[in-house]
């Protein structure tokens, strides 16, 4: 998420917020490799979204380093960015467990 109008077709500055969806093949890269790059570039919030465990780990940039701000599952979280605020309801991104279980229990013919 950016809180400005970009000049041209590409971003020339770091976004204010990055929500990264982890998968088993990308989890290590997101946690180990990308985090220091986002710190260095000044991304205010870096959020690692783990769909398998239905948790989002929110990190906030403070004094050039990320500190964990929250682990959220079914809560709303307000991201206070320099030029804007962004309110996100994490309960809306997870699949409905009851519906998922019902799909898994199809009758055998």
PDB file of N, CA and C in Angstrom:
ATOM      1  N   UNK A   1       0.843  -1.170   0.000  1.00  0.00           N
ATOM      2  CA  UNK A   1       0.000   0.000   0.000  1.00  0.00           C
ATOM      3  C   UNK A   1       0.886   1.231   0.000  1.00  0.00           C
ATOM      4  N   UNK A   2       0.491   2.179  -0.810  1.00  0.00           N
ATOM      5  CA  UNK A   2       1.195   3.452  -0.829  1.00  0.00           C
ATOM      6  C   UNK A   2       0.204   4.555  -0.476  1.00  0.00           C
ATOM      7  N   UNK A   3       0.701   5.603   0.104  1.00  0.00           N
ATOM      8  CA  UNK A   3      -0.150   6.732   0.522  1.00  0.00           C
ATOM      9  C   UNK A   3       0.157   7.976  -0.293  1.00  0.00           C
ATOM     10  N   UNK A   4       0.483   7.772  -1.552  1.00  0.00           N
ATOM     11  CA  UNK A   4       0.767   8.901  -2.419  1.00  0.00           C
ATOM     12  C   UNK A   4       0.399   8.500  -3.840  1.00  0.00           C
ATOM     13  N   UNK A   5       0.426   9.441  -4.735  1.00  0.00           N
ATOM     14  CA  UNK A   5       0.194   9.159  -6.143  1.00  0.00           C
ATOM     15  C   UNK A   5       1.554   8.992  -6.809  1.00  0.00           C
ATOM     16  N   UNK A   6       1.817   7.798  -7.349  1.00  0.00           N
ATOM     17  CA  UNK A   6       3.138   7.589  -7.964  1.00  0.00           C
ATOM     18  C   UNK A   6       3.302   8.416  -9.233  1.00  0.00           C
ATOM     19  N   UNK A   7       4.531   8.807  -9.474  1.00  0.00           N
ATOM     20  CA  UNK A   7       4.863   9.496 -10.724  1.00  0.00           C
ATOM     21  C   UNK A   7       5.172   8.428 -11.763  1.00  0.00           C
ATOM     22  N   UNK A   8       4.357   8.333 -12.772  1.00  0.00           N
ATOM     23  CA  UNK A   8       4.597   7.351 -13.830  1.00  0.00           C
ATOM     24  C   UNK A   8       3.990   5.996 -13.513  1.00  0.00           C
ATOM     25  N   UNK A   9       4.507   4.987 -14.192  1.00  0.00           N
ATOM     26  CA  UNK A   9       3.962   3.638 -14.105  1.00  0.00           C
ATOM     27  C   UNK A   9       4.579   2.786 -12.998  1.00  0.00           C
ATOM     28  N   UNK A  10       5.643   3.239 -12.381  1.00  0.00           N
ATOM     29  CA  UNK A  10       6.367   2.440 -11.396  1.00  0.00           C
ATOM     30  C   UNK A  10       6.557   3.206 -10.094  1.00  0.00           C
ATOM     31  N   UNK A  11       6.678   2.457  -8.996  1.00  0.00           N
ATOM     32  CA  UNK A  11       6.972   3.080  -7.702  1.00  0.00           C
ATOM     33  C   UNK A  11       8.426   3.512  -7.674  1.00  0.00           C
ATOM     34  N   UNK A  12       8.654   4.694  -7.161  1.00  0.00           N
ATOM     35  CA  UNK A  12      10.021   5.195  -7.015  1.00  0.00           C
ATOM     36  C   UNK A  12      10.420   5.308  -5.554  1.00  0.00           C
ATOM     37  N   UNK A  13       9.479   4.969  -4.665  1.00  0.00           N
ATOM     38  CA  UNK A  13       9.770   4.959  -3.233  1.00  0.00           C
ATOM     39  C   UNK A  13       9.147   3.706  -2.629  1.00  0.00           C
ATOM     40  N   UNK A  14       9.591   3.352  -1.452  1.00  0.00           N
ATOM     41  CA  UNK A  14       9.094   2.148  -0.789  1.00  0.00           C
ATOM     42  C   UNK A  14       7.628   2.305  -0.419  1.00  0.00           C
ATOM     43  N   UNK A  15       6.860   1.223  -0.505  1.00  0.00           N
ATOM     44  CA  UNK A  15       5.471   1.291  -0.030  1.00  0.00           C
ATOM     45  C   UNK A  15       5.442   1.461   1.482  1.00  0.00           C
ATOM     46  N   UNK A  16       4.325   1.924   1.997  1.00  0.00           N
ATOM     47  CA  UNK A  16       4.178   2.101   3.435  1.00  0.00           C
ATOM     48  C   UNK A  16       3.849   0.793   4.140  1.00  0.00           C
ATOM     49  N   UNK A  17       3.191  -0.105   3.425  1.00  0.00           N
ATOM     50  CA  UNK A  17       2.719  -1.362   4.000  1.00  0.00           C
ATOM     51  C   UNK A  17       2.870  -2.474   2.978  1.00  0.00           C
ATOM     52  N   UNK A  18       3.432  -3.591   3.415  1.00  0.00           N
ATOM     53  CA  UNK A  18       3.501  -4.790   2.587  1.00  0.00           C
ATOM     54  C   UNK A  18       2.841  -5.917   3.358  1.00  0.00           C
ATOM     55  N   UNK A  19       1.831  -6.537   2.734  1.00  0.00           N
ATOM     56  CA  UNK A  19       1.195  -7.747   3.254  1.00  0.00           C
ATOM     57  C   UNK A  19       1.696  -8.892   2.384  1.00  0.00           C
ATOM     58  N   UNK A  20       2.461  -9.794   2.975  1.00  0.00           N
ATOM     59  CA  UNK A  20       3.009 -10.901   2.205  1.00  0.00           C
ATOM     60  C   UNK A  20       2.345 -12.199   2.633  1.00  0.00           C
ATOM     61  N   UNK A  21       1.756 -12.903   1.662  1.00  0.00           N
ATOM     62  CA  UNK A  21       1.114 -14.179   1.911  1.00  0.00           C
ATOM     63  C   UNK A  21       2.192 -15.254   1.841  1.00  0.00           C
ATOM     64  N   UNK A  22       2.378 -15.975   2.948  1.00  0.00           N
ATOM     65  CA  UNK A  22       3.391 -17.022   3.003  1.00  0.00           C
ATOM     66  C   UNK A  22       2.840 -18.337   2.475  1.00  0.00           C
ATOM     67  N   UNK A  23       3.714 -19.112   1.896  1.00  0.00           N
ATOM     68  CA  UNK A  23       3.411 -20.486   1.514  1.00  0.00           C
ATOM     69  C   UNK A  23       4.575 -21.326   2.026  1.00  0.00           C
ATOM     70  N   UNK A  24       4.426 -22.639   2.077  1.00  0.00           N
ATOM     71  CA  UNK A  24       5.554 -23.456   2.558  1.00  0.00           C
ATOM     72  C   UNK A  24       6.841 -23.197   1.785  1.00  0.00           C
ATOM     73  N   UNK A  25       6.730 -22.900   0.504  1.00  0.00           N
ATOM     74  CA  UNK A  25       7.941 -22.685  -0.298  1.00  0.00           C
ATOM     75  C   UNK A  25       8.513 -21.271  -0.175  1.00  0.00           C
ATOM     76  N   UNK A  26       7.728 -20.303   0.330  1.00  0.00           N
ATOM     77  CA  UNK A  26       8.218 -18.920   0.406  1.00  0.00           C
ATOM     78  C   UNK A  26       8.384 -18.405   1.833  1.00  0.00           C
ATOM     79  N   UNK A  27       7.987 -19.193   2.833  1.00  0.00           N
ATOM     80  CA  UNK A  27       7.994 -18.699   4.222  1.00  0.00           C
ATOM     81  C   UNK A  27       9.382 -18.264   4.677  1.00  0.00           C
ATOM     82  N   UNK A  28      10.381 -19.083   4.430  1.00  0.00           N
ATOM     83  CA  UNK A  28      11.736 -18.740   4.877  1.00  0.00           C
ATOM     84  C   UNK A  28      12.233 -17.479   4.161  1.00  0.00           C
ATOM     85  N   UNK A  29      11.964 -17.398   2.873  1.00  0.00           N
ATOM     86  CA  UNK A  29      12.399 -16.223   2.112  1.00  0.00           C
ATOM     87  C   UNK A  29      11.746 -14.953   2.646  1.00  0.00           C
ATOM     88  N   UNK A  30      10.460 -15.034   2.987  1.00  0.00           N
ATOM     89  CA  UNK A  30       9.763 -13.865   3.518  1.00  0.00           C
ATOM     90  C   UNK A  30      10.305 -13.434   4.862  1.00  0.00           C
ATOM     91  N   UNK A  31      10.580 -14.410   5.726  1.00  0.00           N
ATOM     92  CA  UNK A  31      11.043 -14.088   7.087  1.00  0.00           C
ATOM     93  C   UNK A  31      12.510 -13.695   7.144  1.00  0.00           C
ATOM     94  N   UNK A  32      13.352 -14.359   6.361  1.00  0.00           N
ATOM     95  CA  UNK A  32      14.801 -14.174   6.491  1.00  0.00           C
ATOM     96  C   UNK A  32      15.374 -13.209   5.456  1.00  0.00           C
ATOM     97  N   UNK A  33      14.976 -13.377   4.209  1.00  0.00           N
ATOM     98  CA  UNK A  33      15.593 -12.599   3.135  1.00  0.00           C
ATOM     99  C   UNK A  33      14.936 -11.242   2.923  1.00  0.00           C
ATOM    100  N   UNK A  34      13.616 -11.231   2.850  1.00  0.00           N
ATOM    101  CA  UNK A  34      12.926  -9.986   2.494  1.00  0.00           C
ATOM    102  C   UNK A  34      12.845  -8.982   3.634  1.00  0.00           C
ATOM    103  N   UNK A  35      12.723  -9.448   4.849  1.00  0.00           N
ATOM    104  CA  UNK A  35      12.572  -8.540   5.985  1.00  0.00           C
ATOM    105  C   UNK A  35      13.699  -7.504   6.071  1.00  0.00           C
ATOM    106  N   UNK A  36      14.969  -7.905   5.993  1.00  0.00           N
ATOM    107  CA  UNK A  36      16.038  -6.892   6.056  1.00  0.00           C
ATOM    108  C   UNK A  36      16.006  -5.909   4.879  1.00  0.00           C
ATOM    109  N   UNK A  37      15.575  -6.388   3.711  1.00  0.00           N
ATOM    110  CA  UNK A  37      15.475  -5.496   2.548  1.00  0.00           C
ATOM    111  C   UNK A  37      14.400  -4.444   2.797  1.00  0.00           C
ATOM    112  N   UNK A  38      13.254  -4.873   3.306  1.00  0.00           N
ATOM    113  CA  UNK A  38      12.164  -3.927   3.588  1.00  0.00           C
ATOM    114  C   UNK A  38      12.560  -2.939   4.690  1.00  0.00           C
ATOM    115  N   UNK A  39      13.299  -3.411   5.693  1.00  0.00           N
ATOM    116  CA  UNK A  39      13.811  -2.504   6.742  1.00  0.00           C
ATOM    117  C   UNK A  39      14.681  -1.424   6.116  1.00  0.00           C
ATOM    118  N   UNK A  40      15.629  -1.868   5.310  1.00  0.00           N
ATOM    119  CA  UNK A  40      16.586  -0.941   4.692  1.00  0.00           C
ATOM    120  C   UNK A  40      15.881   0.073   3.793  1.00  0.00           C
ATOM    121  N   UNK A  41      14.828  -0.343   3.115  1.00  0.00           N
ATOM    122  CA  UNK A  41      14.107   0.540   2.202  1.00  0.00           C
ATOM    123  C   UNK A  41      13.099   1.439   2.915  1.00  0.00           C
ATOM    124  N   UNK A  42      12.846   1.192   4.209  1.00  0.00           N
ATOM    125  CA  UNK A  42      11.966   2.066   4.982  1.00  0.00           C
ATOM    126  C   UNK A  42      10.487   1.749   4.892  1.00  0.00           C
ATOM    127  N   UNK A  43      10.141   0.487   4.632  1.00  0.00           N
ATOM    128  CA  UNK A  43       8.735   0.072   4.623  1.00  0.00           C
ATOM    129  C   UNK A  43       8.239   0.127   6.062  1.00  0.00           C
ATOM    130  N   UNK A  44       7.208   0.924   6.340  1.00  0.00           N
ATOM    131  CA  UNK A  44       6.755   1.154   7.712  1.00  0.00           C
ATOM    132  C   UNK A  44       6.192  -0.098   8.374  1.00  0.00           C
ATOM    133  N   UNK A  45       5.400  -0.871   7.626  1.00  0.00           N
ATOM    134  CA  UNK A  45       4.795  -2.089   8.167  1.00  0.00           C
ATOM    135  C   UNK A  45       5.068  -3.251   7.220  1.00  0.00           C
ATOM    136  N   UNK A  46       5.490  -4.368   7.792  1.00  0.00           N
ATOM    137  CA  UNK A  46       5.689  -5.598   7.040  1.00  0.00           C
ATOM    138  C   UNK A  46       4.868  -6.661   7.745  1.00  0.00           C
ATOM    139  N   UNK A  47       3.884  -7.186   7.042  1.00  0.00           N
ATOM    140  CA  UNK A  47       2.938  -8.122   7.628  1.00  0.00           C
ATOM    141  C   UNK A  47       3.074  -9.474   6.936  1.00  0.00           C
ATOM    142  N   UNK A  48       3.448 -10.487   7.701  1.00  0.00           N
ATOM    143  CA  UNK A  48       3.583 -11.840   7.185  1.00  0.00           C
ATOM    144  C   UNK A  48       2.295 -12.598   7.477  1.00  0.00           C
ATOM    145  N   UNK A  49       1.579 -12.953   6.425  1.00  0.00           N
ATOM    146  CA  UNK A  49       0.275 -13.601   6.547  1.00  0.00           C
ATOM    147  C   UNK A  49       0.456 -15.094   6.315  1.00  0.00           C
ATOM    148  N   UNK A  50       0.149 -15.883   7.340  1.00  0.00           N
ATOM    149  CA  UNK A  50       0.301 -17.338   7.285  1.00  0.00           C
ATOM    150  C   UNK A  50      -1.081 -17.979   7.178  1.00  0.00           C
ATOM    151  N   UNK A  51      -1.516 -18.340   5.965  1.00  0.00           N
ATOM    152  CA  UNK A  51      -2.863 -18.893   5.803  1.00  0.00           C
ATOM    153  C   UNK A  51      -3.032 -20.267   6.451  1.00  0.00           C
ATOM    154  N   UNK A  52      -1.969 -21.052   6.547  1.00  0.00           N
ATOM    155  CA  UNK A  52      -2.079 -22.381   7.160  1.00  0.00           C
ATOM    156  C   UNK A  52      -2.440 -22.300   8.633  1.00  0.00           C
ATOM    157  N   UNK A  53      -1.873 -21.330   9.342  1.00  0.00           N
ATOM    158  CA  UNK A  53      -2.133 -21.160  10.766  1.00  0.00           C
ATOM    159  C   UNK A  53      -3.132 -20.041  11.049  1.00  0.00           C
ATOM    160  N   UNK A  54      -3.608 -19.397  10.011  1.00  0.00           N
ATOM    161  CA  UNK A  54      -4.554 -18.291  10.106  1.00  0.00           C
ATOM    162  C   UNK A  54      -4.107 -17.225  11.106  1.00  0.00           C
ATOM    163  N   UNK A  55      -2.881 -16.779  10.903  1.00  0.00           N
ATOM    164  CA  UNK A  55      -2.338 -15.716  11.741  1.00  0.00           C
ATOM    165  C   UNK A  55      -1.516 -14.768  10.863  1.00  0.00           C
ATOM    166  N   UNK A  56      -1.577 -13.498  11.193  1.00  0.00           N
ATOM    167  CA  UNK A  56      -0.762 -12.487  10.528  1.00  0.00           C
ATOM    168  C   UNK A  56       0.145 -11.862  11.580  1.00  0.00           C
ATOM    169  N   UNK A  57       1.423 -11.839  11.294  1.00  0.00           N
ATOM    170  CA  UNK A  57       2.402 -11.241  12.203  1.00  0.00           C
ATOM    171  C   UNK A  57       2.754  -9.860  11.645  1.00  0.00           C
ATOM    172  N   UNK A  58       2.408  -8.857  12.434  1.00  0.00           N
ATOM    173  CA  UNK A  58       2.586  -7.473  11.996  1.00  0.00           C
ATOM    174  C   UNK A  58       3.847  -6.908  12.636  1.00  0.00           C
ATOM    175  N   UNK A  59       4.739  -6.424  11.775  1.00  0.00           N
ATOM    176  CA  UNK A  59       5.986  -5.796  12.225  1.00  0.00           C
ATOM    177  C   UNK A  59       5.964  -4.333  11.816  1.00  0.00           C
ATOM    178  N   UNK A  60       6.407  -3.491  12.728  1.00  0.00           N
ATOM    179  CA  UNK A  60       6.438  -2.038  12.494  1.00  0.00           C
ATOM    180  C   UNK A  60       7.878  -1.556  12.558  1.00  0.00           C
ATOM    181  N   UNK A  61       8.230  -0.692  11.638  1.00  0.00           N
ATOM    182  CA  UNK A  61       9.572  -0.138  11.593  1.00  0.00           C
ATOM    183  C   UNK A  61       9.730   0.923  12.674  1.00  0.00           C
ATOM    184  N   UNK A  62      10.713   0.737  13.529  1.00  0.00           N
ATOM    185  CA  UNK A  62      11.006   1.718  14.577  1.00  0.00           C
ATOM    186  C   UNK A  62      12.516   1.833  14.695  1.00  0.00           C
ATOM    187  N   UNK A  63      13.012   3.044  14.537  1.00  0.00           N
ATOM    188  CA  UNK A  63      14.450   3.321  14.601  1.00  0.00           C
ATOM    189  C   UNK A  63      15.231   2.418  13.647  1.00  0.00           C
ATOM    190  N   UNK A  64      14.665   2.210  12.450  1.00  0.00           N
ATOM    191  CA  UNK A  64      15.359   1.450  11.417  1.00  0.00           C
ATOM    192  C   UNK A  64      15.297  -0.057  11.555  1.00  0.00           C
ATOM    193  N   UNK A  65      14.575  -0.565  12.552  1.00  0.00           N
ATOM    194  CA  UNK A  65      14.466  -2.018  12.781  1.00  0.00           C
ATOM    195  C   UNK A  65      13.004  -2.390  12.945  1.00  0.00           C
ATOM    196  N   UNK A  66      12.667  -3.610  12.539  1.00  0.00           N
ATOM    197  CA  UNK A  66      11.309  -4.095  12.745  1.00  0.00           C
ATOM    198  C   UNK A  66      11.129  -4.622  14.155  1.00  0.00           C
ATOM    199  N   UNK A  67      10.029  -4.219  14.762  1.00  0.00           N
ATOM    200  CA  UNK A  67       9.612  -4.786  16.038  1.00  0.00           C
ATOM    201  C   UNK A  67       8.240  -5.403  15.810  1.00  0.00           C
ATOM    202  N   UNK A  68       8.000  -6.548  16.438  1.00  0.00           N
ATOM    203  CA  UNK A  68       6.699  -7.174  16.278  1.00  0.00           C
ATOM    204  C   UNK A  68       5.677  -6.345  17.020  1.00  0.00           C
ATOM    205  N   UNK A  69       4.645  -5.935  16.310  1.00  0.00           N
ATOM    206  CA  UNK A  69       3.598  -5.127  16.912  1.00  0.00           C
ATOM    207  C   UNK A  69       2.435  -5.992  17.371  1.00  0.00           C
ATOM    208  N   UNK A  70       2.103  -7.032  16.584  1.00  0.00           N
ATOM    209  CA  UNK A  70       0.949  -7.853  16.949  1.00  0.00           C
ATOM    210  C   UNK A  70       0.913  -9.135  16.140  1.00  0.00           C
ATOM    211  N   UNK A  71       0.276 -10.142  16.715  1.00  0.00           N
ATOM    212  CA  UNK A  71      -0.159 -11.335  16.004  1.00  0.00           C
ATOM    213  C   UNK A  71      -1.669 -11.253  15.974  1.00  0.00           C
ATOM    214  N   UNK A  72      -2.262 -11.260  14.796  1.00  0.00           N
ATOM    215  CA  UNK A  72      -3.713 -11.139  14.689  1.00  0.00           C
ATOM    216  C   UNK A  72      -4.278 -12.308  13.892  1.00  0.00           C
ATOM    217  N   UNK A  73      -5.492 -12.680  14.258  1.00  0.00           N
ATOM    218  CA  UNK A  73      -6.192 -13.744  13.530  1.00  0.00           C
ATOM    219  C   UNK A  73      -7.540 -13.254  13.038  1.00  0.00           C
ATOM    220  N   UNK A  74      -8.386 -12.875  13.974  1.00  0.00           N
ATOM    221  CA  UNK A  74      -9.741 -12.465  13.619  1.00  0.00           C
ATOM    222  C   UNK A  74     -10.059 -11.055  14.083  1.00  0.00           C
ATOM    223  N   UNK A  75      -9.042 -10.241  14.216  1.00  0.00           N
ATOM    224  CA  UNK A  75      -9.222  -8.876  14.693  1.00  0.00           C
ATOM    225  C   UNK A  75      -9.060  -7.877  13.550  1.00  0.00           C
ATOM    226  N   UNK A  76      -9.493  -6.678  13.833  1.00  0.00           N
ATOM    227  CA  UNK A  76      -9.210  -5.543  12.955  1.00  0.00           C
ATOM    228  C   UNK A  76      -7.905  -4.924  13.452  1.00  0.00           C
ATOM    229  N   UNK A  77      -7.144  -4.405  12.529  1.00  0.00           N
ATOM    230  CA  UNK A  77      -5.905  -3.726  12.916  1.00  0.00           C
ATOM    231  C   UNK A  77      -5.813  -2.436  12.112  1.00  0.00           C
ATOM    232  N   UNK A  78      -5.487  -1.361  12.805  1.00  0.00           N
ATOM    233  CA  UNK A  78      -5.328  -0.084  12.127  1.00  0.00           C
ATOM    234  C   UNK A  78      -3.845   0.186  11.918  1.00  0.00           C
ATOM    235  N   UNK A  79      -3.482   0.363  10.676  1.00  0.00           N
ATOM    236  CA  UNK A  79      -2.120   0.718  10.311  1.00  0.00           C
ATOM    237  C   UNK A  79      -2.069   2.236  10.209  1.00  0.00           C
ATOM    238  N   UNK A  80      -1.295   2.866  11.081  1.00  0.00           N
ATOM    239  CA  UNK A  80      -1.135   4.318  11.063  1.00  0.00           C
ATOM    240  C   UNK A  80       0.118   4.642  10.268  1.00  0.00           C
ATOM    241  N   UNK A  81      -0.107   5.068   9.044  1.00  0.00           N
ATOM    242  CA  UNK A  81       0.987   5.387   8.154  1.00  0.00           C
ATOM    243  C   UNK A  81       1.232   6.882   8.198  1.00  0.00           C
ATOM    244  N   UNK A  82       2.311   7.331   7.631  1.00  0.00           N
ATOM    245  CA  UNK A  82       2.653   8.752   7.719  1.00  0.00           C
ATOM    246  C   UNK A  82       1.575   9.662   7.148  1.00  0.00           C
ATOM    247  N   UNK A  83       1.038   9.307   5.995  1.00  0.00           N
ATOM    248  CA  UNK A  83       0.100  10.201   5.320  1.00  0.00           C
ATOM    249  C   UNK A  83      -1.324   9.664   5.277  1.00  0.00           C
ATOM    250  N   UNK A  84      -1.558   8.475   5.803  1.00  0.00           N
ATOM    251  CA  UNK A  84      -2.900   7.910   5.779  1.00  0.00           C
ATOM    252  C   UNK A  84      -3.027   6.813   6.836  1.00  0.00           C
ATOM    253  N   UNK A  85      -4.261   6.394   7.054  1.00  0.00           N
ATOM    254  CA  UNK A  85      -4.548   5.272   7.951  1.00  0.00           C
ATOM    255  C   UNK A  85      -5.241   4.200   7.149  1.00  0.00           C
ATOM    256  N   UNK A  86      -4.980   2.967   7.529  1.00  0.00           N
ATOM    257  CA  UNK A  86      -5.568   1.838   6.825  1.00  0.00           C
ATOM    258  C   UNK A  86      -6.074   0.851   7.864  1.00  0.00           C
ATOM    259  N   UNK A  87      -7.376   0.598   7.861  1.00  0.00           N
ATOM    260  CA  UNK A  87      -7.996  -0.311   8.817  1.00  0.00           C
ATOM    261  C   UNK A  87      -8.275  -1.621   8.090  1.00  0.00           C
ATOM    262  N   UNK A  88      -7.741  -2.735   8.598  1.00  0.00           N
ATOM    263  CA  UNK A  88      -7.875  -4.019   7.912  1.00  0.00           C
ATOM    264  C   UNK A  88      -8.496  -5.049   8.847  1.00  0.00           C
ATOM    265  N   UNK A  89      -9.520  -5.736   8.362  1.00  0.00           N
ATOM    266  CA  UNK A  89     -10.209  -6.775   9.132  1.00  0.00           C
ATOM    267  C   UNK A  89      -9.665  -8.139   8.702  1.00  0.00           C
ATOM    268  N   UNK A  90      -8.778  -8.687   9.519  1.00  0.00           N
ATOM    269  CA  UNK A  90      -8.140  -9.952   9.171  1.00  0.00           C
ATOM    270  C   UNK A  90      -9.107 -11.129   9.185  1.00  0.00           C
ATOM    271  N   UNK A  91     -10.231 -11.027   9.876  1.00  0.00           N
ATOM    272  CA  UNK A  91     -11.202 -12.125   9.894  1.00  0.00           C
ATOM    273  C   UNK A  91     -11.795 -12.369   8.507  1.00  0.00           C
ATOM    274  N   UNK A  92     -11.705 -11.410   7.624  1.00  0.00           N
ATOM    275  CA  UNK A  92     -12.288 -11.533   6.285  1.00  0.00           C
ATOM    276  C   UNK A  92     -11.414 -12.323   5.313  1.00  0.00           C
ATOM    277  N   UNK A  93     -10.167 -12.607   5.663  1.00  0.00           N
ATOM    278  CA  UNK A  93      -9.277 -13.249   4.690  1.00  0.00           C
ATOM    279  C   UNK A  93      -9.164 -14.755   4.855  1.00  0.00           C
ATOM    280  N   UNK A  94      -9.612 -15.289   5.974  1.00  0.00           N
ATOM    281  CA  UNK A  94      -9.482 -16.731   6.201  1.00  0.00           C
ATOM    282  C   UNK A  94     -10.706 -17.458   5.671  1.00  0.00           C
ATOM    283  N   UNK A  95     -10.501 -18.668   5.130  1.00  0.00           N
ATOM    284  CA  UNK A  95     -11.672 -19.435   4.673  1.00  0.00           C
ATOM    285  C   UNK A  95     -12.524 -19.859   5.859  1.00  0.00           C
ATOM    286  N   UNK A  96     -13.814 -19.953   5.615  1.00  0.00           N
ATOM    287  CA  UNK A  96     -14.751 -20.395   6.647  1.00  0.00           C
ATOM    288  C   UNK A  96     -14.495 -21.865   6.943  1.00  0.00           C
ATOM    289  N   UNK A  97     -14.137 -22.175   8.189  1.00  0.00           N
ATOM    290  CA  UNK A  97     -13.789 -23.541   8.561  1.00  0.00           C
ATOM    291  C   UNK A  97     -14.948 -24.510   8.358  1.00  0.00           C
ATOM    292  N   UNK A  98     -16.156 -24.126   8.713  1.00  0.00           N
ATOM    293  CA  UNK A  98     -17.310 -25.011   8.563  1.00  0.00           C
ATOM    294  C   UNK A  98     -17.547 -25.330   7.095  1.00  0.00           C
ATOM    295  N   UNK A  99     -17.440 -24.319   6.264  1.00  0.00           N
ATOM    296  CA  UNK A  99     -17.641 -24.520   4.842  1.00  0.00           C
ATOM    297  C   UNK A  99     -16.545 -25.420   4.274  1.00  0.00           C
ATOM    298  N   UNK A 100     -15.295 -25.230   4.690  1.00  0.00           N
ATOM    299  CA  UNK A 100     -14.193 -26.053   4.210  1.00  0.00           C
ATOM    300  C   UNK A 100     -14.385 -27.507   4.612  1.00  0.00           C
ATOM    301  N   UNK A 101     -14.838 -27.749   5.862  1.00  0.00           N
ATOM    302  CA  UNK A 101     -15.058 -29.113   6.320  1.00  0.00           C
ATOM    303  C   UNK A 101     -16.198 -29.768   5.552  1.00  0.00           C
ATOM    304  N   UNK A 102     -17.240 -29.023   5.251  1.00  0.00           N
ATOM    305  CA  UNK A 102     -18.374 -29.570   4.507  1.00  0.00           C
ATOM    306  C   UNK A 102     -17.942 -30.002   3.109  1.00  0.00           C
ATOM    307  N   UNK A 103     -17.081 -29.243   2.484  1.00  0.00           N
ATOM    308  CA  UNK A 103     -16.598 -29.593   1.152  1.00  0.00           C
ATOM    309  C   UNK A 103     -15.762 -30.863   1.216  1.00  0.00           C
ATOM    310  N   UNK A 104     -15.024 -31.068   2.277  1.00  0.00           N
ATOM    311  CA  UNK A 104     -14.171 -32.248   2.413  1.00  0.00           C
ATOM    312  C   UNK A 104     -14.987 -33.523   2.660  1.00  0.00           C
ATOM    313  N   UNK A 105     -16.206 -33.416   3.088  1.00  0.00           N
ATOM    314  CA  UNK A 105     -17.016 -34.585   3.412  1.00  0.00           C
ATOM    315  C   UNK A 105     -18.030 -34.906   2.328  1.00  0.00           C
ATOM    316  N   UNK A 106     -17.577 -34.945   1.119  1.00  0.00           N
ATOM    317  CA  UNK A 106     -18.454 -35.294   0.007  1.00  0.00           C
ATOM    318  C   UNK A 106     -18.776 -36.786   0.065  1.00  0.00           C
ATOM    319  N   UNK A 107     -20.004 -37.173  -0.268  1.00  0.00           N
ATOM    320  CA  UNK A 107     -20.354 -38.592  -0.229  1.00  0.00           C
ATOM    321  C   UNK A 107     -19.595 -39.382  -1.283  1.00  0.00           C
ATOM    322  N   UNK A 108     -19.228 -40.585  -0.933  1.00  0.00           N
ATOM    323  CA  UNK A 108     -18.548 -41.484  -1.865  1.00  0.00           C
ATOM    324  C   UNK A 108     -19.604 -42.234  -2.645  1.00  0.00           C
ATOM    325  N   UNK A 109     -19.495 -42.223  -3.951  1.00  0.00           N
ATOM    326  CA  UNK A 109     -20.490 -42.885  -4.808  1.00  0.00           C
ATOM    327  C   UNK A 109     -19.947 -44.196  -5.334  1.00  0.00           C
TER     328      UNK A 109
END
